[in-house]
PDB file of N, CA and C in Angstrom:
ATOM      1  N   MET A   1     155.536 -45.162 -24.660  1.00  0.00           N
ATOM      2  CA  MET A   1     154.244 -44.786 -24.112  1.00  0.00           C
ATOM      3  C   MET A   1     153.336 -46.008 -24.149  1.00  0.00           C
ATOM      4  N   SER A   2     152.690 -46.306 -23.028  1.00  0.00           N
ATOM      5  CA  SER A   2     151.816 -47.469 -22.991  1.00  0.00           C
ATOM      6  C   SER A   2     150.469 -47.138 -23.627  1.00  0.00           C
ATOM      7  N   GLN A   3     149.885 -48.158 -24.183  1.00  0.00           N
ATOM      8  CA  GLN A   3     148.613 -47.983 -24.869  1.00  0.00           C
ATOM      9  C   GLN A   3     147.476 -47.918 -23.857  1.00  0.00           C
ATOM     10  N   LYS A   4     146.625 -46.932 -23.990  1.00  0.00           N
ATOM     11  CA  LYS A   4     145.456 -46.753 -23.130  1.00  0.00           C
ATOM     12  C   LYS A   4     144.206 -47.127 -23.904  1.00  0.00           C
ATOM     13  N   LYS A   5     143.224 -47.659 -23.187  1.00  0.00           N
ATOM     14  CA  LYS A   5     141.910 -47.913 -23.769  1.00  0.00           C
ATOM     15  C   LYS A   5     141.085 -46.652 -23.557  1.00  0.00           C
ATOM     16  N   ILE A   6     140.751 -45.997 -24.660  1.00  0.00           N
ATOM     17  CA  ILE A   6     140.057 -44.714 -24.612  1.00  0.00           C
ATOM     18  C   ILE A   6     138.714 -44.846 -25.311  1.00  0.00           C
ATOM     19  N   LEU A   7     137.659 -44.491 -24.585  1.00  0.00           N
ATOM     20  CA  LEU A   7     136.316 -44.480 -25.154  1.00  0.00           C
ATOM     21  C   LEU A   7     135.876 -43.037 -25.334  1.00  0.00           C
ATOM     22  N   LEU A   8     135.498 -42.700 -26.553  1.00  0.00           N
ATOM     23  CA  LEU A   8     134.979 -41.375 -26.876  1.00  0.00           C
ATOM     24  C   LEU A   8     133.485 -41.510 -27.107  1.00  0.00           C
ATOM     25  N   ILE A   9     132.701 -40.762 -26.357  1.00  0.00           N
ATOM     26  CA  ILE A   9     131.245 -40.849 -26.459  1.00  0.00           C
ATOM     27  C   ILE A   9     130.704 -39.594 -27.118  1.00  0.00           C
ATOM     28  N   ALA A  10     130.073 -39.780 -28.270  1.00  0.00           N
ATOM     29  CA  ALA A  10     129.442 -38.677 -29.002  1.00  0.00           C
ATOM     30  C   ALA A  10     127.977 -38.607 -28.599  1.00  0.00           C
ATOM     31  N   ARG A  11     127.588 -37.514 -27.972  1.00  0.00           N
ATOM     32  CA  ARG A  11     126.199 -37.335 -27.531  1.00  0.00           C
ATOM     33  C   ARG A  11     125.487 -36.217 -28.288  1.00  0.00           C
ATOM     34  N   SER A  12     126.222 -35.493 -29.119  1.00  0.00           N
ATOM     35  CA  SER A  12     125.668 -34.315 -29.800  1.00  0.00           C
ATOM     36  C   SER A  12     125.437 -34.601 -31.273  1.00  0.00           C
ATOM     37  N   ALA A  13     124.439 -33.932 -31.829  1.00  0.00           N
ATOM     38  CA  ALA A  13     124.203 -33.999 -33.269  1.00  0.00           C
ATOM     39  C   ALA A  13     125.446 -33.473 -33.989  1.00  0.00           C
ATOM     40  N   PRO A  14     125.644 -33.866 -35.237  1.00  0.00           N
ATOM     41  CA  PRO A  14     126.884 -33.496 -35.929  1.00  0.00           C
ATOM     42  C   PRO A  14     127.051 -32.000 -36.173  1.00  0.00           C
ATOM     43  N   TYR A  15     125.987 -31.254 -36.196  1.00  0.00           N
ATOM     44  CA  TYR A  15     126.078 -29.835 -36.517  1.00  0.00           C
ATOM     45  C   TYR A  15     125.314 -29.030 -35.471  1.00  0.00           C
ATOM     46  N   GLY A  16     125.670 -27.792 -35.310  1.00  0.00           N
ATOM     47  CA  GLY A  16     125.043 -26.940 -34.312  1.00  0.00           C
ATOM     48  C   GLY A  16     125.994 -26.634 -33.164  1.00  0.00           C
ATOM     49  N   SER A  17     127.034 -27.449 -33.043  1.00  0.00           N
ATOM     50  CA  SER A  17     128.107 -27.197 -32.073  1.00  0.00           C
ATOM     51  C   SER A  17     129.371 -27.837 -32.633  1.00  0.00           C
ATOM     52  N   ALA A  18     130.475 -27.561 -31.983  1.00  0.00           N
ATOM     53  CA  ALA A  18     131.756 -28.121 -32.433  1.00  0.00           C
ATOM     54  C   ALA A  18     132.031 -29.500 -31.831  1.00  0.00           C
ATOM     55  N   ASN A  19     131.136 -30.004 -30.995  1.00  0.00           N
ATOM     56  CA  ASN A  19     131.392 -31.251 -30.279  1.00  0.00           C
ATOM     57  C   ASN A  19     131.695 -32.431 -31.187  1.00  0.00           C
ATOM     58  N   GLY A  20     130.929 -32.608 -32.240  1.00  0.00           N
ATOM     59  CA  GLY A  20     131.147 -33.736 -33.148  1.00  0.00           C
ATOM     60  C   GLY A  20     132.509 -33.680 -33.809  1.00  0.00           C
ATOM     61  N   ARG A  21     132.879 -32.528 -34.303  1.00  0.00           N
ATOM     62  CA  ARG A  21     134.185 -32.332 -34.951  1.00  0.00           C
ATOM     63  C   ARG A  21     135.311 -32.531 -33.938  1.00  0.00           C
ATOM     64  N   GLU A  22     135.161 -31.967 -32.740  1.00  0.00           N
ATOM     65  CA  GLU A  22     136.212 -32.085 -31.725  1.00  0.00           C
ATOM     66  C   GLU A  22     136.421 -33.536 -31.305  1.00  0.00           C
ATOM     67  N   LEU A  23     135.337 -34.284 -31.157  1.00  0.00           N
ATOM     68  CA  LEU A  23     135.461 -35.683 -30.758  1.00  0.00           C
ATOM     69  C   LEU A  23     136.195 -36.490 -31.825  1.00  0.00           C
ATOM     70  N   LEU A  24     135.885 -36.239 -33.086  1.00  0.00           N
ATOM     71  CA  LEU A  24     136.582 -36.943 -34.163  1.00  0.00           C
ATOM     72  C   LEU A  24     138.050 -36.533 -34.234  1.00  0.00           C
ATOM     73  N   ASP A  25     138.353 -35.281 -33.957  1.00  0.00           N
ATOM     74  CA  ASP A  25     139.750 -34.833 -33.913  1.00  0.00           C
ATOM     75  C   ASP A  25     140.512 -35.554 -32.797  1.00  0.00           C
ATOM     76  N   ILE A  26     139.876 -35.718 -31.643  1.00  0.00           N
ATOM     77  CA  ILE A  26     140.495 -36.448 -30.535  1.00  0.00           C
ATOM     78  C   ILE A  26     140.745 -37.897 -30.948  1.00  0.00           C
ATOM     79  N   ALA A  27     139.764 -38.502 -31.632  1.00  0.00           N
ATOM     80  CA  ALA A  27     139.910 -39.890 -32.086  1.00  0.00           C
ATOM     81  C   ALA A  27     141.096 -40.023 -33.030  1.00  0.00           C
ATOM     82  N   LEU A  28     141.200 -39.130 -33.999  1.00  0.00           N
ATOM     83  CA  LEU A  28     142.294 -39.204 -34.970  1.00  0.00           C
ATOM     84  C   LEU A  28     143.648 -38.983 -34.293  1.00  0.00           C
ATOM     85  N   ALA A  29     143.706 -38.058 -33.354  1.00  0.00           N
ATOM     86  CA  ALA A  29     144.963 -37.820 -32.631  1.00  0.00           C
ATOM     87  C   ALA A  29     145.343 -39.053 -31.816  1.00  0.00           C
ATOM     88  N   GLY A  30     144.382 -39.643 -31.136  1.00  0.00           N
ATOM     89  CA  GLY A  30     144.648 -40.855 -30.364  1.00  0.00           C
ATOM     90  C   GLY A  30     145.093 -42.005 -31.247  1.00  0.00           C
ATOM     91  N   GLY A  31     144.450 -42.128 -32.394  1.00  0.00           N
ATOM     92  CA  GLY A  31     144.842 -43.169 -33.343  1.00  0.00           C
ATOM     93  C   GLY A  31     146.243 -42.951 -33.879  1.00  0.00           C
ATOM     94  N   ALA A  32     146.611 -41.709 -34.111  1.00  0.00           N
ATOM     95  CA  ALA A  32     147.951 -41.395 -34.603  1.00  0.00           C
ATOM     96  C   ALA A  32     149.021 -41.778 -33.582  1.00  0.00           C
ATOM     97  N   PHE A  33     148.661 -41.736 -32.293  1.00  0.00           N
ATOM     98  CA  PHE A  33     149.586 -42.123 -31.233  1.00  0.00           C
ATOM     99  C   PHE A  33     149.359 -43.566 -30.775  1.00  0.00           C
ATOM    100  N   GLU A  34     148.696 -44.341 -31.627  1.00  0.00           N
ATOM    101  CA  GLU A  34     148.499 -45.775 -31.452  1.00  0.00           C
ATOM    102  C   GLU A  34     147.809 -46.149 -30.145  1.00  0.00           C
ATOM    103  N   GLN A  35     146.836 -45.338 -29.736  1.00  0.00           N
ATOM    104  CA  GLN A  35     146.025 -45.668 -28.569  1.00  0.00           C
ATOM    105  C   GLN A  35     144.866 -46.565 -29.007  1.00  0.00           C
ATOM    106  N   ASP A  36     144.299 -47.292 -28.078  1.00  0.00           N
ATOM    107  CA  ASP A  36     143.169 -48.192 -28.350  1.00  0.00           C
ATOM    108  C   ASP A  36     141.881 -47.368 -28.235  1.00  0.00           C
ATOM    109  N   ILE A  37     141.422 -46.849 -29.369  1.00  0.00           N
ATOM    110  CA  ILE A  37     140.282 -45.926 -29.413  1.00  0.00           C
ATOM    111  C   ILE A  37     139.000 -46.666 -29.767  1.00  0.00           C
ATOM    112  N   SER A  38     137.945 -46.383 -29.003  1.00  0.00           N
ATOM    113  CA  SER A  38     136.592 -46.841 -29.326  1.00  0.00           C
ATOM    114  C   SER A  38     135.701 -45.609 -29.379  1.00  0.00           C
ATOM    115  N   LEU A  39     134.728 -45.625 -30.273  1.00  0.00           N
ATOM    116  CA  LEU A  39     133.757 -44.530 -30.374  1.00  0.00           C
ATOM    117  C   LEU A  39     132.370 -45.084 -30.107  1.00  0.00           C
ATOM    118  N   LEU A  40     131.632 -44.382 -29.263  1.00  0.00           N
ATOM    119  CA  LEU A  40     130.256 -44.749 -28.948  1.00  0.00           C
ATOM    120  C   LEU A  40     129.362 -43.558 -29.254  1.00  0.00           C
ATOM    121  N   PHE A  41     128.350 -43.779 -30.063  1.00  0.00           N
ATOM    122  CA  PHE A  41     127.410 -42.723 -30.444  1.00  0.00           C
ATOM    123  C   PHE A  41     126.109 -42.941 -29.673  1.00  0.00           C
ATOM    124  N   MET A  42     125.757 -41.969 -28.828  1.00  0.00           N
ATOM    125  CA  MET A  42     124.570 -42.064 -27.979  1.00  0.00           C
ATOM    126  C   MET A  42     123.684 -40.842 -28.193  1.00  0.00           C
ATOM    127  N   ALA A  43     122.425 -40.971 -27.796  1.00  0.00           N
ATOM    128  CA  ALA A  43     121.475 -39.860 -27.876  1.00  0.00           C
ATOM    129  C   ALA A  43     121.530 -39.243 -29.276  1.00  0.00           C
ATOM    130  N   ASP A  44     121.611 -37.917 -29.377  1.00  0.00           N
ATOM    131  CA  ASP A  44     121.652 -37.268 -30.698  1.00  0.00           C
ATOM    132  C   ASP A  44     122.958 -37.530 -31.450  1.00  0.00           C
ATOM    133  N   GLY A  45     123.933 -38.091 -30.783  1.00  0.00           N
ATOM    134  CA  GLY A  45     125.187 -38.453 -31.443  1.00  0.00           C
ATOM    135  C   GLY A  45     125.003 -39.483 -32.542  1.00  0.00           C
ATOM    136  N   VAL A  46     123.911 -40.266 -32.493  1.00  0.00           N
ATOM    137  CA  VAL A  46     123.681 -41.266 -33.545  1.00  0.00           C
ATOM    138  C   VAL A  46     123.460 -40.613 -34.906  1.00  0.00           C
ATOM    139  N   PHE A  47     123.080 -39.339 -34.917  1.00  0.00           N
ATOM    140  CA  PHE A  47     122.924 -38.634 -36.195  1.00  0.00           C
ATOM    141  C   PHE A  47     124.258 -38.542 -36.948  1.00  0.00           C
ATOM    142  N   GLN A  48     125.376 -38.603 -36.225  1.00  0.00           N
ATOM    143  CA  GLN A  48     126.681 -38.522 -36.869  1.00  0.00           C
ATOM    144  C   GLN A  48     126.957 -39.729 -37.762  1.00  0.00           C
ATOM    145  N   LEU A  49     126.259 -40.833 -37.519  1.00  0.00           N
ATOM    146  CA  LEU A  49     126.474 -42.051 -38.298  1.00  0.00           C
ATOM    147  C   LEU A  49     125.682 -42.084 -39.599  1.00  0.00           C
ATOM    148  N   GLN A  50     124.802 -41.126 -39.786  1.00  0.00           N
ATOM    149  CA  GLN A  50     123.981 -41.113 -40.991  1.00  0.00           C
ATOM    150  C   GLN A  50     124.801 -40.635 -42.188  1.00  0.00           C
ATOM    151  N   THR A  51     124.688 -41.348 -43.292  1.00  0.00           N
ATOM    152  CA  THR A  51     125.519 -41.050 -44.457  1.00  0.00           C
ATOM    153  C   THR A  51     124.966 -39.924 -45.329  1.00  0.00           C
ATOM    154  N   GLN A  52     123.704 -39.640 -45.244  1.00  0.00           N
ATOM    155  CA  GLN A  52     123.097 -38.612 -46.105  1.00  0.00           C
ATOM    156  C   GLN A  52     123.061 -37.248 -45.408  1.00  0.00           C
ATOM    157  N   GLN A  53     124.196 -36.808 -44.909  1.00  0.00           N
ATOM    158  CA  GLN A  53     124.267 -35.516 -44.241  1.00  0.00           C
ATOM    159  C   GLN A  53     124.383 -34.405 -45.283  1.00  0.00           C
ATOM    160  N   GLN A  54     123.670 -33.335 -45.059  1.00  0.00           N
ATOM    161  CA  GLN A  54     123.715 -32.194 -45.975  1.00  0.00           C
ATOM    162  C   GLN A  54     124.334 -30.998 -45.250  1.00  0.00           C
ATOM    163  N   SER A  55     125.585 -31.148 -44.901  1.00  0.00           N
ATOM    164  CA  SER A  55     126.278 -30.153 -44.084  1.00  0.00           C
ATOM    165  C   SER A  55     126.449 -28.815 -44.790  1.00  0.00           C
ATOM    166  N   GLN A  56     126.451 -28.838 -46.114  1.00  0.00           N
ATOM    167  CA  GLN A  56     126.622 -27.578 -46.850  1.00  0.00           C
ATOM    168  C   GLN A  56     125.466 -26.612 -46.581  1.00  0.00           C
ATOM    169  N   LEU A  57     124.325 -27.138 -46.176  1.00  0.00           N
ATOM    170  CA  LEU A  57     123.181 -26.274 -45.878  1.00  0.00           C
ATOM    171  C   LEU A  57     123.417 -25.408 -44.636  1.00  0.00           C
ATOM    172  N   VAL A  58     124.297 -25.867 -43.758  1.00  0.00           N
ATOM    173  CA  VAL A  58     124.626 -25.099 -42.560  1.00  0.00           C
ATOM    174  C   VAL A  58     126.052 -24.554 -42.611  1.00  0.00           C
ATOM    175  N   GLY A  59     126.686 -24.691 -43.764  1.00  0.00           N
ATOM    176  CA  GLY A  59     128.012 -24.133 -43.971  1.00  0.00           C
ATOM    177  C   GLY A  59     129.120 -24.822 -43.197  1.00  0.00           C
ATOM    178  N   GLN A  60     129.004 -26.140 -43.003  1.00  0.00           N
ATOM    179  CA  GLN A  60     130.032 -26.880 -42.285  1.00  0.00           C
ATOM    180  C   GLN A  60     130.513 -28.063 -43.112  1.00  0.00           C
ATOM    181  N   LYS A  61     131.660 -28.622 -42.719  1.00  0.00           N
ATOM    182  CA  LYS A  61     132.193 -29.805 -43.397  1.00  0.00           C
ATOM    183  C   LYS A  61     131.402 -31.033 -42.997  1.00  0.00           C
ATOM    184  N   ASP A  62     131.302 -31.959 -43.912  1.00  0.00           N
ATOM    185  CA  ASP A  62     130.568 -33.203 -43.697  1.00  0.00           C
ATOM    186  C   ASP A  62     131.375 -34.129 -42.787  1.00  0.00           C
ATOM    187  N   LEU A  63     130.879 -34.368 -41.575  1.00  0.00           N
ATOM    188  CA  LEU A  63     131.585 -35.220 -40.617  1.00  0.00           C
ATOM    189  C   LEU A  63     131.611 -36.681 -41.046  1.00  0.00           C
ATOM    190  N   SER A  64     130.674 -37.095 -41.878  1.00  0.00           N
ATOM    191  CA  SER A  64     130.656 -38.501 -42.300  1.00  0.00           C
ATOM    192  C   SER A  64     131.914 -38.842 -43.103  1.00  0.00           C
ATOM    193  N   LYS A  65     132.507 -37.855 -43.748  1.00  0.00           N
ATOM    194  CA  LYS A  65     133.760 -38.098 -44.480  1.00  0.00           C
ATOM    195  C   LYS A  65     134.899 -38.385 -43.508  1.00  0.00           C
ATOM    196  N   THR A  66     134.908 -37.709 -42.375  1.00  0.00           N
ATOM    197  CA  THR A  66     135.937 -37.956 -41.365  1.00  0.00           C
ATOM    198  C   THR A  66     135.773 -39.353 -40.782  1.00  0.00           C
ATOM    199  N   LEU A  67     134.543 -39.790 -40.594  1.00  0.00           N
ATOM    200  CA  LEU A  67     134.300 -41.145 -40.083  1.00  0.00           C
ATOM    201  C   LEU A  67     134.918 -42.197 -41.002  1.00  0.00           C
ATOM    202  N   LYS A  68     134.905 -41.939 -42.289  1.00  0.00           N
ATOM    203  CA  LYS A  68     135.477 -42.893 -43.247  1.00  0.00           C
ATOM    204  C   LYS A  68     136.996 -42.991 -43.119  1.00  0.00           C
ATOM    205  N   MET A  69     137.626 -41.982 -42.516  1.00  0.00           N
ATOM    206  CA  MET A  69     139.077 -41.988 -42.341  1.00  0.00           C
ATOM    207  C   MET A  69     139.518 -42.793 -41.128  1.00  0.00           C
ATOM    208  N   LEU A  70     138.617 -43.113 -40.229  1.00  0.00           N
ATOM    209  CA  LEU A  70     138.993 -43.769 -38.976  1.00  0.00           C
ATOM    210  C   LEU A  70     139.766 -45.079 -39.173  1.00  0.00           C
ATOM    211  N   PRO A  71     139.387 -45.946 -40.124  1.00  0.00           N
ATOM    212  CA  PRO A  71     140.153 -47.185 -40.298  1.00  0.00           C
ATOM    213  C   PRO A  71     141.624 -46.959 -40.659  1.00  0.00           C
ATOM    214  N   ILE A  72     141.936 -45.851 -41.304  1.00  0.00           N
ATOM    215  CA  ILE A  72     143.328 -45.529 -41.644  1.00  0.00           C
ATOM    216  C   ILE A  72     144.158 -45.391 -40.364  1.00  0.00           C
ATOM    217  N   TYR A  73     143.516 -44.950 -39.289  1.00  0.00           N
ATOM    218  CA  TYR A  73     144.171 -44.768 -37.995  1.00  0.00           C
ATOM    219  C   TYR A  73     143.945 -45.969 -37.073  1.00  0.00           C
ATOM    220  N   ASP A  74     143.552 -47.087 -37.649  1.00  0.00           N
ATOM    221  CA  ASP A  74     143.265 -48.321 -36.898  1.00  0.00           C
ATOM    222  C   ASP A  74     142.168 -48.142 -35.856  1.00  0.00           C
ATOM    223  N   ILE A  75     141.205 -47.290 -36.160  1.00  0.00           N
ATOM    224  CA  ILE A  75     140.048 -47.101 -35.281  1.00  0.00           C
ATOM    225  C   ILE A  75     138.868 -47.816 -35.941  1.00  0.00           C
ATOM    226  N   ASP A  76     138.560 -48.992 -35.408  1.00  0.00           N
ATOM    227  CA  ASP A  76     137.473 -49.774 -36.003  1.00  0.00           C
ATOM    228  C   ASP A  76     136.448 -50.233 -34.977  1.00  0.00           C
ATOM    229  N   LYS A  77     136.567 -49.738 -33.751  1.00  0.00           N
ATOM    230  CA  LYS A  77     135.604 -50.078 -32.700  1.00  0.00           C
ATOM    231  C   LYS A  77     134.576 -48.959 -32.607  1.00  0.00           C
ATOM    232  N   LEU A  78     133.550 -49.061 -33.433  1.00  0.00           N
ATOM    233  CA  LEU A  78     132.484 -48.062 -33.472  1.00  0.00           C
ATOM    234  C   LEU A  78     131.189 -48.714 -32.996  1.00  0.00           C
ATOM    235  N   TYR A  79     130.520 -48.054 -32.063  1.00  0.00           N
ATOM    236  CA  TYR A  79     129.299 -48.576 -31.473  1.00  0.00           C
ATOM    237  C   TYR A  79     128.249 -47.477 -31.435  1.00  0.00           C
ATOM    238  N   TYR A  80     127.000 -47.891 -31.328  1.00  0.00           N
ATOM    239  CA  TYR A  80     125.943 -46.913 -31.115  1.00  0.00           C
ATOM    240  C   TYR A  80     124.904 -47.473 -30.162  1.00  0.00           C
ATOM    241  N   GLN A  81     124.230 -46.564 -29.488  1.00  0.00           N
ATOM    242  CA  GLN A  81     123.170 -46.913 -28.547  1.00  0.00           C
ATOM    243  C   GLN A  81     121.935 -47.310 -29.358  1.00  0.00           C
ATOM    244  N   ALA A  82     121.597 -48.585 -29.314  1.00  0.00           N
ATOM    245  CA  ALA A  82     120.494 -49.106 -30.128  1.00  0.00           C
ATOM    246  C   ALA A  82     119.178 -48.379 -29.843  1.00  0.00           C
ATOM    247  N   SER A  83     118.910 -48.101 -28.579  1.00  0.00           N
ATOM    248  CA  SER A  83     117.640 -47.444 -28.238  1.00  0.00           C
ATOM    249  C   SER A  83     117.576 -46.023 -28.788  1.00  0.00           C
ATOM    250  N   ALA A  84     118.707 -45.321 -28.851  1.00  0.00           N
ATOM    251  CA  ALA A  84     118.726 -43.948 -29.385  1.00  0.00           C
ATOM    252  C   ALA A  84     118.399 -43.946 -30.871  1.00  0.00           C
ATOM    253  N   LEU A  85     118.897 -44.942 -31.582  1.00  0.00           N
ATOM    254  CA  LEU A  85     118.626 -45.032 -33.017  1.00  0.00           C
ATOM    255  C   LEU A  85     117.136 -45.273 -33.252  1.00  0.00           C
ATOM    256  N   GLY A  86     116.564 -46.174 -32.476  1.00  0.00           N
ATOM    257  CA  GLY A  86     115.148 -46.483 -32.613  1.00  0.00           C
ATOM    258  C   GLY A  86     114.256 -45.307 -32.295  1.00  0.00           C
ATOM    259  N   LEU A  87     114.578 -44.565 -31.239  1.00  0.00           N
ATOM    260  CA  LEU A  87     113.771 -43.400 -30.856  1.00  0.00           C
ATOM    261  C   LEU A  87     113.770 -42.331 -31.938  1.00  0.00           C
ATOM    262  N   ARG A  88     114.851 -42.251 -32.694  1.00  0.00           N
ATOM    263  CA  ARG A  88     114.978 -41.227 -33.734  1.00  0.00           C
ATOM    264  C   ARG A  88     114.578 -41.753 -35.111  1.00  0.00           C
ATOM    265  N   GLN A  89     114.135 -42.998 -35.149  1.00  0.00           N
ATOM    266  CA  GLN A  89     113.668 -43.641 -36.383  1.00  0.00           C
ATOM    267  C   GLN A  89     114.693 -43.507 -37.510  1.00  0.00           C
ATOM    268  N   LEU A  90     115.949 -43.804 -37.189  1.00  0.00           N
ATOM    269  CA  LEU A  90     117.025 -43.721 -38.164  1.00  0.00           C
ATOM    270  C   LEU A  90     117.371 -45.108 -38.683  1.00  0.00           C
ATOM    271  N   ASP A  91     117.944 -45.144 -39.865  1.00  0.00           N
ATOM    272  CA  ASP A  91     118.397 -46.407 -40.440  1.00  0.00           C
ATOM    273  C   ASP A  91     119.612 -46.912 -39.681  1.00  0.00           C
ATOM    274  N   GLN A  92     119.712 -48.221 -39.585  1.00  0.00           N
ATOM    275  CA  GLN A  92     120.840 -48.837 -38.903  1.00  0.00           C
ATOM    276  C   GLN A  92     122.103 -48.628 -39.737  1.00  0.00           C
ATOM    277  N   PRO A  93     123.129 -48.023 -39.146  1.00  0.00           N
ATOM    278  CA  PRO A  93     124.373 -47.813 -39.898  1.00  0.00           C
ATOM    279  C   PRO A  93     125.140 -49.115 -40.048  1.00  0.00           C
ATOM    280  N   ASP A  94     125.848 -49.244 -41.145  1.00  0.00           N
ATOM    281  CA  ASP A  94     126.654 -50.447 -41.348  1.00  0.00           C
ATOM    282  C   ASP A  94     128.089 -50.250 -40.864  1.00  0.00           C
ATOM    283  N   THR A  95     128.388 -49.069 -40.332  1.00  0.00           N
ATOM    284  CA  THR A  95     129.742 -48.758 -39.876  1.00  0.00           C
ATOM    285  C   THR A  95     129.940 -48.962 -38.388  1.00  0.00           C
ATOM    286  N   ALA A  96     128.868 -49.253 -37.647  1.00  0.00           N
ATOM    287  CA  ALA A  96     128.967 -49.370 -36.195  1.00  0.00           C
ATOM    288  C   ALA A  96     128.083 -50.513 -35.702  1.00  0.00           C
ATOM    289  N   LYS A  97     128.399 -50.986 -34.510  1.00  0.00           N
ATOM    290  CA  LYS A  97     127.696 -52.114 -33.902  1.00  0.00           C
ATOM    291  C   LYS A  97     126.712 -51.594 -32.857  1.00  0.00           C
ATOM    292  N   PRO A  98     125.478 -52.106 -32.846  1.00  0.00           N
ATOM    293  CA  PRO A  98     124.513 -51.665 -31.833  1.00  0.00           C
ATOM    294  C   PRO A  98     124.831 -52.262 -30.461  1.00  0.00           C
ATOM    295  N   LEU A  99     124.603 -51.458 -29.422  1.00  0.00           N
ATOM    296  CA  LEU A  99     124.780 -51.925 -28.050  1.00  0.00           C
ATOM    297  C   LEU A  99     123.551 -51.583 -27.217  1.00  0.00           C
ATOM    298  N   SER A 100     123.179 -52.486 -26.342  1.00  0.00           N
ATOM    299  CA  SER A 100     122.118 -52.207 -25.370  1.00  0.00           C
ATOM    300  C   SER A 100     122.714 -51.336 -24.263  1.00  0.00           C
ATOM    301  N   ASN A 101     121.859 -50.788 -23.414  1.00  0.00           N
ATOM    302  CA  ASN A 101     122.358 -49.956 -22.318  1.00  0.00           C
ATOM    303  C   ASN A 101     123.241 -50.764 -21.361  1.00  0.00           C
ATOM    304  N   THR A 102     122.927 -52.033 -21.149  1.00  0.00           N
ATOM    305  CA  THR A 102     123.755 -52.895 -20.305  1.00  0.00           C
ATOM    306  C   THR A 102     125.130 -53.101 -20.939  1.00  0.00           C
ATOM    307  N   GLN A 103     125.160 -53.333 -22.242  1.00  0.00           N
ATOM    308  CA  GLN A 103     126.442 -53.503 -22.940  1.00  0.00           C
ATOM    309  C   GLN A 103     127.258 -52.215 -22.912  1.00  0.00           C
ATOM    310  N   ILE A 104     126.582 -51.069 -22.968  1.00  0.00           N
ATOM    311  CA  ILE A 104     127.269 -49.779 -22.890  1.00  0.00           C
ATOM    312  C   ILE A 104     127.945 -49.629 -21.528  1.00  0.00           C
ATOM    313  N   GLN A 105     127.251 -49.993 -20.472  1.00  0.00           N
ATOM    314  CA  GLN A 105     127.841 -49.923 -19.132  1.00  0.00           C
ATOM    315  C   GLN A 105     129.078 -50.810 -19.036  1.00  0.00           C
ATOM    316  N   GLN A 106     129.010 -51.993 -19.631  1.00  0.00           N
ATOM    317  CA  GLN A 106     130.157 -52.901 -19.618  1.00  0.00           C
ATOM    318  C   GLN A 106     131.326 -52.307 -20.395  1.00  0.00           C
ATOM    319  N   LEU A 107     131.040 -51.724 -21.555  1.00  0.00           N
ATOM    320  CA  LEU A 107     132.085 -51.106 -22.369  1.00  0.00           C
ATOM    321  C   LEU A 107     132.775 -49.987 -21.603  1.00  0.00           C
ATOM    322  N   ILE A 108     131.996 -49.132 -20.976  1.00  0.00           N
ATOM    323  CA  ILE A 108     132.553 -48.012 -20.220  1.00  0.00           C
ATOM    324  C   ILE A 108     133.441 -48.512 -19.087  1.00  0.00           C
ATOM    325  N   SER A 109     133.009 -49.565 -18.397  1.00  0.00           N
ATOM    326  CA  SER A 109     133.778 -50.068 -17.256  1.00  0.00           C
ATOM    327  C   SER A 109     135.132 -50.680 -17.657  1.00  0.00           C
ATOM    328  N   GLN A 110     135.302 -51.001 -18.924  1.00  0.00           N
ATOM    329  CA  GLN A 110     136.539 -51.629 -19.411  1.00  0.00           C
ATOM    330  C   GLN A 110     137.584 -50.609 -19.886  1.00  0.00           C
ATOM    331  N   GLN A 111     137.272 -49.319 -19.813  1.00  0.00           N
ATOM    332  CA  GLN A 111     138.143 -48.290 -20.375  1.00  0.00           C
ATOM    333  C   GLN A 111     139.065 -47.677 -19.329  1.00  0.00           C
ATOM    334  N   ASP A 112     140.211 -47.185 -19.786  1.00  0.00           N
ATOM    335  CA  ASP A 112     141.106 -46.411 -18.932  1.00  0.00           C
ATOM    336  C   ASP A 112     140.685 -44.943 -18.891  1.00  0.00           C
ATOM    337  N   VAL A 113     140.188 -44.448 -20.021  1.00  0.00           N
ATOM    338  CA  VAL A 113     139.792 -43.053 -20.159  1.00  0.00           C
ATOM    339  C   VAL A 113     138.461 -43.007 -20.910  1.00  0.00           C
ATOM    340  N   VAL A 114     137.543 -42.154 -20.423  1.00  0.00           N
ATOM    341  CA  VAL A 114     136.261 -41.937 -21.104  1.00  0.00           C
ATOM    342  C   VAL A 114     136.088 -40.432 -21.286  1.00  0.00           C
ATOM    343  N   ILE A 115     135.841 -40.033 -22.532  1.00  0.00           N
ATOM    344  CA  ILE A 115     135.603 -38.625 -22.862  1.00  0.00           C
ATOM    345  C   ILE A 115     134.245 -38.555 -23.534  1.00  0.00           C
ATOM    346  N   SER A 116     133.398 -37.678 -23.018  1.00  0.00           N
ATOM    347  CA  SER A 116     132.045 -37.551 -23.552  1.00  0.00           C
ATOM    348  C   SER A 116     131.796 -36.114 -23.979  1.00  0.00           C
ATOM    349  N   LEU A 117     131.366 -35.944 -25.222  1.00  0.00           N
ATOM    350  CA  LEU A 117     131.011 -34.608 -25.738  1.00  0.00           C
ATOM    351  C   LEU A 117     129.647 -34.685 -26.400  1.00  0.00           C
TER     352      LEU A 117
END
């Protein structure tokens, strides 16, 4: 099987829908099959990068723990929309690289597959 460049775009907050969990499941499955996976966190998806998540308050598993597993699957291309982080007044994560909107367009154009949730 040939390796595909796959970009997964997280646009949803980590809790309130299954989108965040499903996107991470897709990433782990792709990594297990040795695909070239990149993750981009945009809009409310940047909340998934925050380490102080209190998921037990909403009765869900902490997605930040799953993010820590990504390097085991050779998934180390993590990016976030710099403007989204600023608008939400969040701390800059040390697990992902900031991208401008122009850089995001370039990243998307380099992919074989783009999945956005």
